[in-house]
Amino acid sequence: MSNTNEDIIAQPISLTDGAVKQLNRIMTEQNVSEEHGLRVGVKGGGCSGFSYLLGFDKQNENDDVYEIKGMKVFMERAHAIYLLGIEIDWMEGLNNRGFTFNNPNAKDTCGCGTSFSA
């Protein structure tokens, strides 16, 4: 068996099948180019301290790149500590419709589900 220099990085986050289906639909509807990937991150703010970032973007030089269920995912290395183990899902119900973030690292979350403290 030969040794390769290829680094295999464990996926820090997971996407449910429902989330991937919705993201692919959005990519098609918005005509998102192949050079874009899904950016997952955090930013300061929100009612609990941090808010999630989720959108399509081009790769930056300080990004780690993953392929999760066929989707190219970009994440800044500095954000990994807040996002490790997170599951992104799509919820479609009577009272709530949108992406949800199940973050095992969150000490506290807000009622809207898009803000957390670590």
PDB file of N, CA and C in Angstrom:
ATOM      1  N   MET A   1       0.858  -1.174   0.000  1.00  0.00           N
ATOM      2  CA  MET A   1       0.000   0.000   0.000  1.00  0.00           C
ATOM      3  C   MET A   1       0.901   1.234   0.000  1.00  0.00           C
ATOM      4  N   SER A   2       0.667   2.141  -0.906  1.00  0.00           N
ATOM      5  CA  SER A   2       1.498   3.328  -0.998  1.00  0.00           C
ATOM      6  C   SER A   2       0.945   4.434  -0.109  1.00  0.00           C
ATOM      7  N   ASN A   3       1.867   5.255   0.372  1.00  0.00           N
ATOM      8  CA  ASN A   3       1.496   6.382   1.226  1.00  0.00           C
ATOM      9  C   ASN A   3       1.327   7.620   0.350  1.00  0.00           C
ATOM     10  N   THR A   4       0.220   8.324   0.500  1.00  0.00           N
ATOM     11  CA  THR A   4      -0.005   9.534  -0.286  1.00  0.00           C
ATOM     12  C   THR A   4       0.105  10.739   0.622  1.00  0.00           C
ATOM     13  N   ASN A   5       0.307  11.893   0.035  1.00  0.00           N
ATOM     14  CA  ASN A   5       0.397  13.133   0.790  1.00  0.00           C
ATOM     15  C   ASN A   5      -0.959  13.803   0.957  1.00  0.00           C
ATOM     16  N   GLU A   6      -2.002  13.112   0.562  1.00  0.00           N
ATOM     17  CA  GLU A   6      -3.336  13.685   0.625  1.00  0.00           C
ATOM     18  C   GLU A   6      -3.820  13.752   2.064  1.00  0.00           C
ATOM     19  N   ASP A   7      -4.223  14.927   2.508  1.00  0.00           N
ATOM     20  CA  ASP A   7      -4.763  15.083   3.849  1.00  0.00           C
ATOM     21  C   ASP A   7      -6.256  14.785   3.820  1.00  0.00           C
ATOM     22  N   ILE A   8      -6.659  13.934   4.737  1.00  0.00           N
ATOM     23  CA  ILE A   8      -8.084  13.647   4.856  1.00  0.00           C
ATOM     24  C   ILE A   8      -8.553  14.331   6.128  1.00  0.00           C
ATOM     25  N   ILE A   9      -9.439  15.282   5.966  1.00  0.00           N
ATOM     26  CA  ILE A   9      -9.935  16.049   7.098  1.00  0.00           C
ATOM     27  C   ILE A   9     -11.359  15.578   7.384  1.00  0.00           C
ATOM     28  N   ALA A  10     -11.597  15.222   8.638  1.00  0.00           N
ATOM     29  CA  ALA A  10     -12.938  14.791   9.025  1.00  0.00           C
ATOM     30  C   ALA A  10     -13.919  15.936   8.820  1.00  0.00           C
ATOM     31  N   GLN A  11     -15.120  15.594   8.445  1.00  0.00           N
ATOM     32  CA  GLN A  11     -16.137  16.614   8.230  1.00  0.00           C
ATOM     33  C   GLN A  11     -16.550  17.192   9.582  1.00  0.00           C
ATOM     34  N   PRO A  12     -16.402  18.487   9.761  1.00  0.00           N
ATOM     35  CA  PRO A  12     -16.725  19.086  11.059  1.00  0.00           C
ATOM     36  C   PRO A  12     -18.221  19.278  11.268  1.00  0.00           C
ATOM     37  N   ILE A  13     -18.980  19.295  10.179  1.00  0.00           N
ATOM     38  CA  ILE A  13     -20.424  19.513  10.272  1.00  0.00           C
ATOM     39  C   ILE A  13     -21.128  18.444   9.459  1.00  0.00           C
ATOM     40  N   SER A  14     -22.434  18.346   9.646  1.00  0.00           N
ATOM     41  CA  SER A  14     -23.215  17.440   8.805  1.00  0.00           C
ATOM     42  C   SER A  14     -24.419  18.182   8.234  1.00  0.00           C
ATOM     43  N   LEU A  15     -24.835  17.736   7.075  1.00  0.00           N
ATOM     44  CA  LEU A  15     -26.013  18.268   6.398  1.00  0.00           C
ATOM     45  C   LEU A  15     -27.003  17.127   6.260  1.00  0.00           C
ATOM     46  N   THR A  16     -28.243  17.368   6.632  1.00  0.00           N
ATOM     47  CA  THR A  16     -29.253  16.334   6.437  1.00  0.00           C
ATOM     48  C   THR A  16     -29.632  16.272   4.961  1.00  0.00           C
ATOM     49  N   ASP A  17     -30.271  15.182   4.573  1.00  0.00           N
ATOM     50  CA  ASP A  17     -30.714  15.046   3.181  1.00  0.00           C
ATOM     51  C   ASP A  17     -31.680  16.172   2.818  1.00  0.00           C
ATOM     52  N   GLY A  18     -32.540  16.562   3.759  1.00  0.00           N
ATOM     53  CA  GLY A  18     -33.490  17.655   3.512  1.00  0.00           C
ATOM     54  C   GLY A  18     -32.781  18.976   3.263  1.00  0.00           C
ATOM     55  N   ALA A  19     -31.720  19.238   4.024  1.00  0.00           N
ATOM     56  CA  ALA A  19     -30.958  20.478   3.837  1.00  0.00           C
ATOM     57  C   ALA A  19     -30.267  20.472   2.478  1.00  0.00           C
ATOM     58  N   VAL A  20     -29.663  19.346   2.103  1.00  0.00           N
ATOM     59  CA  VAL A  20     -28.972  19.255   0.809  1.00  0.00           C
ATOM     60  C   VAL A  20     -29.949  19.455  -0.338  1.00  0.00           C
ATOM     61  N   LYS A  21     -31.125  18.849  -0.229  1.00  0.00           N
ATOM     62  CA  LYS A  21     -32.153  18.996  -1.271  1.00  0.00           C
ATOM     63  C   LYS A  21     -32.548  20.468  -1.422  1.00  0.00           C
ATOM     64  N   GLN A  22     -32.760  21.150  -0.306  1.00  0.00           N
ATOM     65  CA  GLN A  22     -33.160  22.557  -0.339  1.00  0.00           C
ATOM     66  C   GLN A  22     -32.025  23.433  -0.870  1.00  0.00           C
ATOM     67  N   LEU A  23     -30.792  23.160  -0.452  1.00  0.00           N
ATOM     68  CA  LEU A  23     -29.637  23.937  -0.925  1.00  0.00           C
ATOM     69  C   LEU A  23     -29.458  23.773  -2.435  1.00  0.00           C
ATOM     70  N   ASN A  24     -29.614  22.555  -2.937  1.00  0.00           N
ATOM     71  CA  ASN A  24     -29.515  22.325  -4.384  1.00  0.00           C
ATOM     72  C   ASN A  24     -30.621  23.057  -5.134  1.00  0.00           C
ATOM     73  N   ARG A  25     -31.824  23.088  -4.556  1.00  0.00           N
ATOM     74  CA  ARG A  25     -32.941  23.814  -5.178  1.00  0.00           C
ATOM     75  C   ARG A  25     -32.612  25.309  -5.257  1.00  0.00           C
ATOM     76  N   ILE A  26     -32.099  25.855  -4.167  1.00  0.00           N
ATOM     77  CA  ILE A  26     -31.740  27.277  -4.130  1.00  0.00           C
ATOM     78  C   ILE A  26     -30.641  27.573  -5.150  1.00  0.00           C
ATOM     79  N   MET A  27     -29.631  26.706  -5.223  1.00  0.00           N
ATOM     80  CA  MET A  27     -28.533  26.903  -6.185  1.00  0.00           C
ATOM     81  C   MET A  27     -29.067  26.968  -7.614  1.00  0.00           C
ATOM     82  N   THR A  28     -30.002  26.087  -7.921  1.00  0.00           N
ATOM     83  CA  THR A  28     -30.582  26.060  -9.266  1.00  0.00           C
ATOM     84  C   THR A  28     -31.415  27.310  -9.518  1.00  0.00           C
ATOM     85  N   GLU A  29     -32.295  27.647  -8.563  1.00  0.00           N
ATOM     86  CA  GLU A  29     -33.170  28.809  -8.729  1.00  0.00           C
ATOM     87  C   GLU A  29     -32.387  30.117  -8.825  1.00  0.00           C
ATOM     88  N   GLN A  30     -31.301  30.226  -8.046  1.00  0.00           N
ATOM     89  CA  GLN A  30     -30.512  31.456  -8.015  1.00  0.00           C
ATOM     90  C   GLN A  30     -29.378  31.451  -9.047  1.00  0.00           C
ATOM     91  N   ASN A  31     -29.284  30.356  -9.815  1.00  0.00           N
ATOM     92  CA  ASN A  31     -28.260  30.240 -10.846  1.00  0.00           C
ATOM     93  C   ASN A  31     -26.849  30.430 -10.262  1.00  0.00           C
ATOM     94  N   VAL A  32     -26.577  29.755  -9.135  1.00  0.00           N
ATOM     95  CA  VAL A  32     -25.291  29.853  -8.452  1.00  0.00           C
ATOM     96  C   VAL A  32     -24.245  29.089  -9.274  1.00  0.00           C
ATOM     97  N   SER A  33     -23.099  29.731  -9.531  1.00  0.00           N
ATOM     98  CA  SER A  33     -22.072  29.129 -10.383  1.00  0.00           C
ATOM     99  C   SER A  33     -21.336  28.002  -9.657  1.00  0.00           C
ATOM    100  N   GLU A  34     -20.659  27.162 -10.450  1.00  0.00           N
ATOM    101  CA  GLU A  34     -19.913  26.024  -9.929  1.00  0.00           C
ATOM    102  C   GLU A  34     -18.751  26.446  -9.034  1.00  0.00           C
ATOM    103  N   GLU A  35     -18.228  27.662  -9.202  1.00  0.00           N
ATOM    104  CA  GLU A  35     -17.099  28.094  -8.381  1.00  0.00           C
ATOM    105  C   GLU A  35     -17.526  28.502  -6.969  1.00  0.00           C
ATOM    106  N   HIS A  36     -18.809  28.584  -6.741  1.00  0.00           N
ATOM    107  CA  HIS A  36     -19.332  28.903  -5.416  1.00  0.00           C
ATOM    108  C   HIS A  36     -19.548  27.620  -4.620  1.00  0.00           C
ATOM    109  N   GLY A  37     -19.438  27.749  -3.327  1.00  0.00           N
ATOM    110  CA  GLY A  37     -19.743  26.662  -2.420  1.00  0.00           C
ATOM    111  C   GLY A  37     -20.581  27.199  -1.284  1.00  0.00           C
ATOM    112  N   LEU A  38     -20.975  26.305  -0.403  1.00  0.00           N
ATOM    113  CA  LEU A  38     -21.776  26.688   0.751  1.00  0.00           C
ATOM    114  C   LEU A  38     -20.849  27.201   1.846  1.00  0.00           C
ATOM    115  N   ARG A  39     -21.035  28.436   2.262  1.00  0.00           N
ATOM    116  CA  ARG A  39     -20.246  28.986   3.370  1.00  0.00           C
ATOM    117  C   ARG A  39     -21.031  28.808   4.656  1.00  0.00           C
ATOM    118  N   VAL A  40     -20.370  28.168   5.633  1.00  0.00           N
ATOM    119  CA  VAL A  40     -20.939  27.984   6.959  1.00  0.00           C
ATOM    120  C   VAL A  40     -19.991  28.676   7.933  1.00  0.00           C
ATOM    121  N   GLY A  41     -20.541  29.525   8.776  1.00  0.00           N
ATOM    122  CA  GLY A  41     -19.692  30.241   9.713  1.00  0.00           C
ATOM    123  C   GLY A  41     -20.492  30.856  10.838  1.00  0.00           C
ATOM    124  N   VAL A  42     -19.819  31.682  11.603  1.00  0.00           N
ATOM    125  CA  VAL A  42     -20.451  32.405  12.696  1.00  0.00           C
ATOM    126  C   VAL A  42     -20.024  33.863  12.638  1.00  0.00           C
ATOM    127  N   LYS A  43     -20.825  34.706  13.246  1.00  0.00           N
ATOM    128  CA  LYS A  43     -20.449  36.113  13.399  1.00  0.00           C
ATOM    129  C   LYS A  43     -20.957  36.566  14.757  1.00  0.00           C
ATOM    130  N   GLY A  44     -20.303  37.567  15.303  1.00  0.00           N
ATOM    131  CA  GLY A  44     -20.733  38.117  16.573  1.00  0.00           C
ATOM    132  C   GLY A  44     -22.071  38.806  16.421  1.00  0.00           C
ATOM    133  N   GLY A  45     -22.890  38.712  17.442  1.00  0.00           N
ATOM    134  CA  GLY A  45     -24.189  39.368  17.406  1.00  0.00           C
ATOM    135  C   GLY A  45     -25.305  38.391  17.670  1.00  0.00           C
ATOM    136  N   GLY A  46     -26.497  38.841  17.494  1.00  0.00           N
ATOM    137  CA  GLY A  46     -27.647  38.004  17.801  1.00  0.00           C
ATOM    138  C   GLY A  46     -27.977  38.105  19.282  1.00  0.00           C
ATOM    139  N   CYS A  47     -29.105  37.579  19.664  1.00  0.00           N
ATOM    140  CA  CYS A  47     -29.563  37.734  21.048  1.00  0.00           C
ATOM    141  C   CYS A  47     -28.795  36.876  22.037  1.00  0.00           C
ATOM    142  N   SER A  48     -28.002  35.901  21.563  1.00  0.00           N
ATOM    143  CA  SER A  48     -27.256  35.047  22.482  1.00  0.00           C
ATOM    144  C   SER A  48     -25.739  35.201  22.352  1.00  0.00           C
ATOM    145  N   GLY A  49     -25.245  36.037  21.451  1.00  0.00           N
ATOM    146  CA  GLY A  49     -23.810  36.271  21.343  1.00  0.00           C
ATOM    147  C   GLY A  49     -23.225  36.004  19.970  1.00  0.00           C
ATOM    148  N   PHE A  50     -23.639  34.910  19.332  1.00  0.00           N
ATOM    149  CA  PHE A  50     -23.179  34.575  17.989  1.00  0.00           C
ATOM    150  C   PHE A  50     -24.385  34.264  17.113  1.00  0.00           C
ATOM    151  N   SER A  51     -24.247  34.536  15.820  1.00  0.00           N
ATOM    152  CA  SER A  51     -25.257  34.151  14.837  1.00  0.00           C
ATOM    153  C   SER A  51     -24.589  33.263  13.794  1.00  0.00           C
ATOM    154  N   TYR A  52     -25.361  32.379  13.210  1.00  0.00           N
ATOM    155  CA  TYR A  52     -24.847  31.496  12.165  1.00  0.00           C
ATOM    156  C   TYR A  52     -24.825  32.218  10.824  1.00  0.00           C
ATOM    157  N   LEU A  53     -23.833  31.898  10.013  1.00  0.00           N
ATOM    158  CA  LEU A  53     -23.763  32.349   8.629  1.00  0.00           C
ATOM    159  C   LEU A  53     -23.995  31.138   7.742  1.00  0.00           C
ATOM    160  N   LEU A  54     -24.845  31.277   6.760  1.00  0.00           N
ATOM    161  CA  LEU A  54     -25.115  30.214   5.811  1.00  0.00           C
ATOM    162  C   LEU A  54     -25.457  30.871   4.484  1.00  0.00           C
ATOM    163  N   GLY A  55     -24.667  30.599   3.465  1.00  0.00           N
ATOM    164  CA  GLY A  55     -24.915  31.199   2.164  1.00  0.00           C
ATOM    165  C   GLY A  55     -23.914  30.680   1.152  1.00  0.00           C
ATOM    166  N   PHE A  56     -24.064  31.101  -0.072  1.00  0.00           N
ATOM    167  CA  PHE A  56     -23.162  30.678  -1.138  1.00  0.00           C
ATOM    168  C   PHE A  56     -22.101  31.743  -1.351  1.00  0.00           C
ATOM    169  N   ASP A  57     -20.850  31.301  -1.505  1.00  0.00           N
ATOM    170  CA  ASP A  57     -19.730  32.215  -1.576  1.00  0.00           C
ATOM    171  C   ASP A  57     -18.604  31.549  -2.352  1.00  0.00           C
ATOM    172  N   LYS A  58     -17.609  32.349  -2.732  1.00  0.00           N
ATOM    173  CA  LYS A  58     -16.393  31.820  -3.337  1.00  0.00           C
ATOM    174  C   LYS A  58     -15.396  31.522  -2.225  1.00  0.00           C
ATOM    175  N   GLN A  59     -14.467  30.623  -2.519  1.00  0.00           N
ATOM    176  CA  GLN A  59     -13.476  30.224  -1.532  1.00  0.00           C
ATOM    177  C   GLN A  59     -12.520  31.368  -1.208  1.00  0.00           C
ATOM    178  N   ASN A  60     -12.218  31.535   0.083  1.00  0.00           N
ATOM    179  CA  ASN A  60     -11.223  32.489   0.564  1.00  0.00           C
ATOM    180  C   ASN A  60      -9.955  31.733   0.926  1.00  0.00           C
ATOM    181  N   GLU A  61      -8.847  32.451   1.020  1.00  0.00           N
ATOM    182  CA  GLU A  61      -7.569  31.783   1.257  1.00  0.00           C
ATOM    183  C   GLU A  61      -7.472  31.124   2.633  1.00  0.00           C
ATOM    184  N   ASN A  62      -8.226  31.603   3.630  1.00  0.00           N
ATOM    185  CA  ASN A  62      -8.159  30.995   4.960  1.00  0.00           C
ATOM    186  C   ASN A  62      -9.292  30.001   5.221  1.00  0.00           C
ATOM    187  N   ASP A  63      -9.905  29.490   4.164  1.00  0.00           N
ATOM    188  CA  ASP A  63     -10.986  28.509   4.294  1.00  0.00           C
ATOM    189  C   ASP A  63     -10.454  27.089   4.294  1.00  0.00           C
ATOM    190  N   ASP A  64     -11.096  26.240   5.076  1.00  0.00           N
ATOM    191  CA  ASP A  64     -10.978  24.801   4.902  1.00  0.00           C
ATOM    192  C   ASP A  64     -12.109  24.417   3.966  1.00  0.00           C
ATOM    193  N   VAL A  65     -11.862  23.440   3.097  1.00  0.00           N
ATOM    194  CA  VAL A  65     -12.860  23.031   2.107  1.00  0.00           C
ATOM    195  C   VAL A  65     -13.222  21.571   2.360  1.00  0.00           C
ATOM    196  N   TYR A  66     -14.496  21.293   2.359  1.00  0.00           N
ATOM    197  CA  TYR A  66     -15.004  19.947   2.577  1.00  0.00           C
ATOM    198  C   TYR A  66     -15.991  19.617   1.474  1.00  0.00           C
ATOM    199  N   GLU A  67     -16.201  18.338   1.241  1.00  0.00           N
ATOM    200  CA  GLU A  67     -17.302  17.911   0.385  1.00  0.00           C
ATOM    201  C   GLU A  67     -18.214  17.070   1.256  1.00  0.00           C
ATOM    202  N   ILE A  68     -19.430  17.549   1.435  1.00  0.00           N
ATOM    203  CA  ILE A  68     -20.393  16.888   2.295  1.00  0.00           C
ATOM    204  C   ILE A  68     -21.634  16.586   1.474  1.00  0.00           C
ATOM    205  N   LYS A  69     -21.894  15.302   1.291  1.00  0.00           N
ATOM    206  CA  LYS A  69     -23.043  14.834   0.500  1.00  0.00           C
ATOM    207  C   LYS A  69     -23.073  15.494  -0.879  1.00  0.00           C
ATOM    208  N   GLY A  70     -21.905  15.613  -1.507  1.00  0.00           N
ATOM    209  CA  GLY A  70     -21.807  16.165  -2.850  1.00  0.00           C
ATOM    210  C   GLY A  70     -21.785  17.680  -2.904  1.00  0.00           C
ATOM    211  N   MET A  71     -21.850  18.334  -1.754  1.00  0.00           N
ATOM    212  CA  MET A  71     -21.854  19.797  -1.710  1.00  0.00           C
ATOM    213  C   MET A  71     -20.493  20.295  -1.241  1.00  0.00           C
ATOM    214  N   LYS A  72     -19.946  21.271  -1.973  1.00  0.00           N
ATOM    215  CA  LYS A  72     -18.689  21.905  -1.581  1.00  0.00           C
ATOM    216  C   LYS A  72     -18.993  22.885  -0.454  1.00  0.00           C
ATOM    217  N   VAL A  73     -18.284  22.723   0.681  1.00  0.00           N
ATOM    218  CA  VAL A  73     -18.535  23.539   1.871  1.00  0.00           C
ATOM    219  C   VAL A  73     -17.259  24.275   2.252  1.00  0.00           C
ATOM    220  N   PHE A  74     -17.370  25.595   2.464  1.00  0.00           N
ATOM    221  CA  PHE A  74     -16.254  26.434   2.893  1.00  0.00           C
ATOM    222  C   PHE A  74     -16.491  26.853   4.343  1.00  0.00           C
ATOM    223  N   MET A  75     -15.421  26.772   5.131  1.00  0.00           N
ATOM    224  CA  MET A  75     -15.515  27.216   6.515  1.00  0.00           C
ATOM    225  C   MET A  75     -14.168  27.800   6.934  1.00  0.00           C
ATOM    226  N   GLU A  76     -14.191  29.005   7.502  1.00  0.00           N
ATOM    227  CA  GLU A  76     -12.966  29.599   8.022  1.00  0.00           C
ATOM    228  C   GLU A  76     -12.459  28.749   9.179  1.00  0.00           C
ATOM    229  N   ARG A  77     -11.151  28.517   9.207  1.00  0.00           N
ATOM    230  CA  ARG A  77     -10.557  27.691  10.264  1.00  0.00           C
ATOM    231  C   ARG A  77     -10.916  28.206  11.653  1.00  0.00           C
ATOM    232  N   ALA A  78     -10.948  29.512  11.822  1.00  0.00           N
ATOM    233  CA  ALA A  78     -11.227  30.099  13.135  1.00  0.00           C
ATOM    234  C   ALA A  78     -12.648  29.809  13.615  1.00  0.00           C
ATOM    235  N   HIS A  79     -13.555  29.456  12.711  1.00  0.00           N
ATOM    236  CA  HIS A  79     -14.945  29.209  13.092  1.00  0.00           C
ATOM    237  C   HIS A  79     -15.176  27.766  13.532  1.00  0.00           C
ATOM    238  N   ALA A  80     -14.225  26.879  13.238  1.00  0.00           N
ATOM    239  CA  ALA A  80     -14.415  25.453  13.487  1.00  0.00           C
ATOM    240  C   ALA A  80     -14.722  25.159  14.954  1.00  0.00           C
ATOM    241  N   ILE A  81     -14.102  25.869  15.864  1.00  0.00           N
ATOM    242  CA  ILE A  81     -14.319  25.613  17.291  1.00  0.00           C
ATOM    243  C   ILE A  81     -15.791  25.790  17.682  1.00  0.00           C
ATOM    244  N   TYR A  82     -16.494  26.686  17.005  1.00  0.00           N
ATOM    245  CA  TYR A  82     -17.903  26.941  17.311  1.00  0.00           C
ATOM    246  C   TYR A  82     -18.851  26.020  16.549  1.00  0.00           C
ATOM    247  N   LEU A  83     -18.365  25.426  15.468  1.00  0.00           N
ATOM    248  CA  LEU A  83     -19.245  24.677  14.577  1.00  0.00           C
ATOM    249  C   LEU A  83     -19.026  23.169  14.587  1.00  0.00           C
ATOM    250  N   LEU A  84     -17.981  22.698  15.259  1.00  0.00           N
ATOM    251  CA  LEU A  84     -17.655  21.278  15.252  1.00  0.00           C
ATOM    252  C   LEU A  84     -18.836  20.449  15.746  1.00  0.00           C
ATOM    253  N   GLY A  85     -19.288  19.542  14.928  1.00  0.00           N
ATOM    254  CA  GLY A  85     -20.386  18.654  15.291  1.00  0.00           C
ATOM    255  C   GLY A  85     -21.769  19.164  14.957  1.00  0.00           C
ATOM    256  N   ILE A  86     -21.877  20.358  14.400  1.00  0.00           N
ATOM    257  CA  ILE A  86     -23.185  20.946  14.106  1.00  0.00           C
ATOM    258  C   ILE A  86     -23.888  20.184  12.973  1.00  0.00           C
ATOM    259  N   GLU A  87     -25.195  20.081  13.091  1.00  0.00           N
ATOM    260  CA  GLU A  87     -26.015  19.497  12.024  1.00  0.00           C
ATOM    261  C   GLU A  87     -26.934  20.592  11.490  1.00  0.00           C
ATOM    262  N   ILE A  88     -26.904  20.750  10.168  1.00  0.00           N
ATOM    263  CA  ILE A  88     -27.782  21.717   9.506  1.00  0.00           C
ATOM    264  C   ILE A  88     -28.903  20.938   8.845  1.00  0.00           C
ATOM    265  N   ASP A  89     -30.122  21.334   9.137  1.00  0.00           N
ATOM    266  CA  ASP A  89     -31.304  20.635   8.638  1.00  0.00           C
ATOM    267  C   ASP A  89     -32.245  21.650   8.005  1.00  0.00           C
ATOM    268  N   TRP A  90     -33.213  21.164   7.260  1.00  0.00           N
ATOM    269  CA  TRP A  90     -34.277  21.995   6.694  1.00  0.00           C
ATOM    270  C   TRP A  90     -35.579  21.588   7.348  1.00  0.00           C
ATOM    271  N   MET A  91     -36.281  22.566   7.900  1.00  0.00           N
ATOM    272  CA  MET A  91     -37.549  22.293   8.556  1.00  0.00           C
ATOM    273  C   MET A  91     -38.659  22.978   7.782  1.00  0.00           C
ATOM    274  N   GLU A  92     -39.718  22.234   7.575  1.00  0.00           N
ATOM    275  CA  GLU A  92     -40.870  22.807   6.887  1.00  0.00           C
ATOM    276  C   GLU A  92     -42.113  22.417   7.663  1.00  0.00           C
ATOM    277  N   GLY A  93     -42.575  23.336   8.494  1.00  0.00           N
ATOM    278  CA  GLY A  93     -43.746  23.076   9.318  1.00  0.00           C
ATOM    279  C   GLY A  93     -44.693  24.252   9.270  1.00  0.00           C
ATOM    280  N   LEU A  94     -45.750  24.152  10.041  1.00  0.00           N
ATOM    281  CA  LEU A  94     -46.757  25.215  10.068  1.00  0.00           C
ATOM    282  C   LEU A  94     -46.198  26.493  10.670  1.00  0.00           C
ATOM    283  N   ASN A  95     -45.421  26.374  11.741  1.00  0.00           N
ATOM    284  CA  ASN A  95     -44.922  27.555  12.447  1.00  0.00           C
ATOM    285  C   ASN A  95     -43.491  27.928  12.091  1.00  0.00           C
ATOM    286  N   ASN A  96     -42.761  27.018  11.487  1.00  0.00           N
ATOM    287  CA  ASN A  96     -41.351  27.255  11.253  1.00  0.00           C
ATOM    288  C   ASN A  96     -40.940  26.662   9.916  1.00  0.00           C
ATOM    289  N   ARG A  97     -40.313  27.463   9.089  1.00  0.00           N
ATOM    290  CA  ARG A  97     -39.837  26.992   7.801  1.00  0.00           C
ATOM    291  C   ARG A  97     -38.464  27.600   7.569  1.00  0.00           C
ATOM    292  N   GLY A  98     -37.465  26.757   7.378  1.00  0.00           N
ATOM    293  CA  GLY A  98     -36.129  27.267   7.127  1.00  0.00           C
ATOM    294  C   GLY A  98     -35.065  26.317   7.628  1.00  0.00           C
ATOM    295  N   PHE A  99     -33.826  26.759   7.532  1.00  0.00           N
ATOM    296  CA  PHE A  99     -32.707  25.957   7.980  1.00  0.00           C
ATOM    297  C   PHE A  99     -32.608  26.029   9.497  1.00  0.00           C
ATOM    298  N   THR A 100     -32.318  24.880  10.104  1.00  0.00           N
ATOM    299  CA  THR A 100     -32.123  24.818  11.540  1.00  0.00           C
ATOM    300  C   THR A 100     -30.702  24.352  11.821  1.00  0.00           C
ATOM    301  N   PHE A 101     -30.173  24.749  12.965  1.00  0.00           N
ATOM    302  CA  PHE A 101     -28.806  24.447  13.354  1.00  0.00           C
ATOM    303  C   PHE A 101     -28.841  23.716  14.692  1.00  0.00           C
ATOM    304  N   ASN A 102     -28.442  22.455  14.687  1.00  0.00           N
ATOM    305  CA  ASN A 102     -28.363  21.679  15.914  1.00  0.00           C
ATOM    306  C   ASN A 102     -26.899  21.664  16.335  1.00  0.00           C
ATOM    307  N   ASN A 103     -26.557  22.519  17.307  1.00  0.00           N
ATOM    308  CA  ASN A 103     -25.167  22.722  17.698  1.00  0.00           C
ATOM    309  C   ASN A 103     -24.913  22.140  19.084  1.00  0.00           C
ATOM    310  N   PRO A 104     -24.162  21.027  19.155  1.00  0.00           N
ATOM    311  CA  PRO A 104     -23.893  20.412  20.462  1.00  0.00           C
ATOM    312  C   PRO A 104     -22.967  21.260  21.341  1.00  0.00           C
ATOM    313  N   ASN A 105     -22.286  22.260  20.776  1.00  0.00           N
ATOM    314  CA  ASN A 105     -21.373  23.111  21.528  1.00  0.00           C
ATOM    315  C   ASN A 105     -22.064  24.314  22.161  1.00  0.00           C
ATOM    316  N   ALA A 106     -23.281  24.590  21.751  1.00  0.00           N
ATOM    317  CA  ALA A 106     -23.983  25.780  22.232  1.00  0.00           C
ATOM    318  C   ALA A 106     -24.376  25.601  23.697  1.00  0.00           C
ATOM    319  N   LYS A 107     -24.007  26.583  24.515  1.00  0.00           N
ATOM    320  CA  LYS A 107     -24.407  26.566  25.922  1.00  0.00           C
ATOM    321  C   LYS A 107     -25.817  27.111  26.088  1.00  0.00           C
ATOM    322  N   ASP A 108     -26.195  28.001  25.179  1.00  0.00           N
ATOM    323  CA  ASP A 108     -27.506  28.618  25.252  1.00  0.00           C
ATOM    324  C   ASP A 108     -27.907  29.022  23.839  1.00  0.00           C
ATOM    325  N   THR A 109     -29.180  28.955  23.524  1.00  0.00           N
ATOM    326  CA  THR A 109     -29.674  29.381  22.219  1.00  0.00           C
ATOM    327  C   THR A 109     -30.839  30.330  22.419  1.00  0.00           C
ATOM    328  N   CYS A 110     -31.181  31.041  21.365  1.00  0.00           N
ATOM    329  CA  CYS A 110     -32.321  31.949  21.439  1.00  0.00           C
ATOM    330  C   CYS A 110     -33.552  31.261  20.880  1.00  0.00           C
ATOM    331  N   GLY A 111     -34.678  31.876  21.037  1.00  0.00           N
ATOM    332  CA  GLY A 111     -35.924  31.306  20.564  1.00  0.00           C
ATOM    333  C   GLY A 111     -35.998  31.169  19.057  1.00  0.00           C
ATOM    334  N   CYS A 112     -35.289  32.027  18.323  1.00  0.00           N
ATOM    335  CA  CYS A 112     -35.367  31.972  16.862  1.00  0.00           C
ATOM    336  C   CYS A 112     -34.487  30.862  16.294  1.00  0.00           C
ATOM    337  N   GLY A 113     -33.553  30.308  17.081  1.00  0.00           N
ATOM    338  CA  GLY A 113     -32.727  29.193  16.623  1.00  0.00           C
ATOM    339  C   GLY A 113     -31.571  29.577  15.741  1.00  0.00           C
ATOM    340  N   THR A 114     -31.317  30.860  15.559  1.00  0.00           N
ATOM    341  CA  THR A 114     -30.207  31.278  14.705  1.00  0.00           C
ATOM    342  C   THR A 114     -29.106  31.980  15.492  1.00  0.00           C
ATOM    343  N   SER A 115     -29.222  31.998  16.811  1.00  0.00           N
ATOM    344  CA  SER A 115     -28.242  32.673  17.652  1.00  0.00           C
ATOM    345  C   SER A 115     -27.902  31.744  18.818  1.00  0.00           C
ATOM    346  N   PHE A 116     -26.634  31.800  19.268  1.00  0.00           N
ATOM    347  CA  PHE A 116     -26.214  30.893  20.349  1.00  0.00           C
ATOM    348  C   PHE A 116     -25.061  31.524  21.109  1.00  0.00           C
ATOM    349  N   SER A 117     -24.798  30.958  22.290  1.00  0.00           N
ATOM    350  CA  SER A 117     -23.594  31.337  23.040  1.00  0.00           C
ATOM    351  C   SER A 117     -22.763  30.079  23.219  1.00  0.00           C
ATOM    352  N   ALA A 118     -21.443  30.269  23.286  1.00  0.00           N
ATOM    353  CA  ALA A 118     -20.541  29.115  23.397  1.00  0.00           C
ATOM    354  C   ALA A 118     -19.723  29.203  24.673  1.00  0.00           C
TER     355      ALA A 118
END
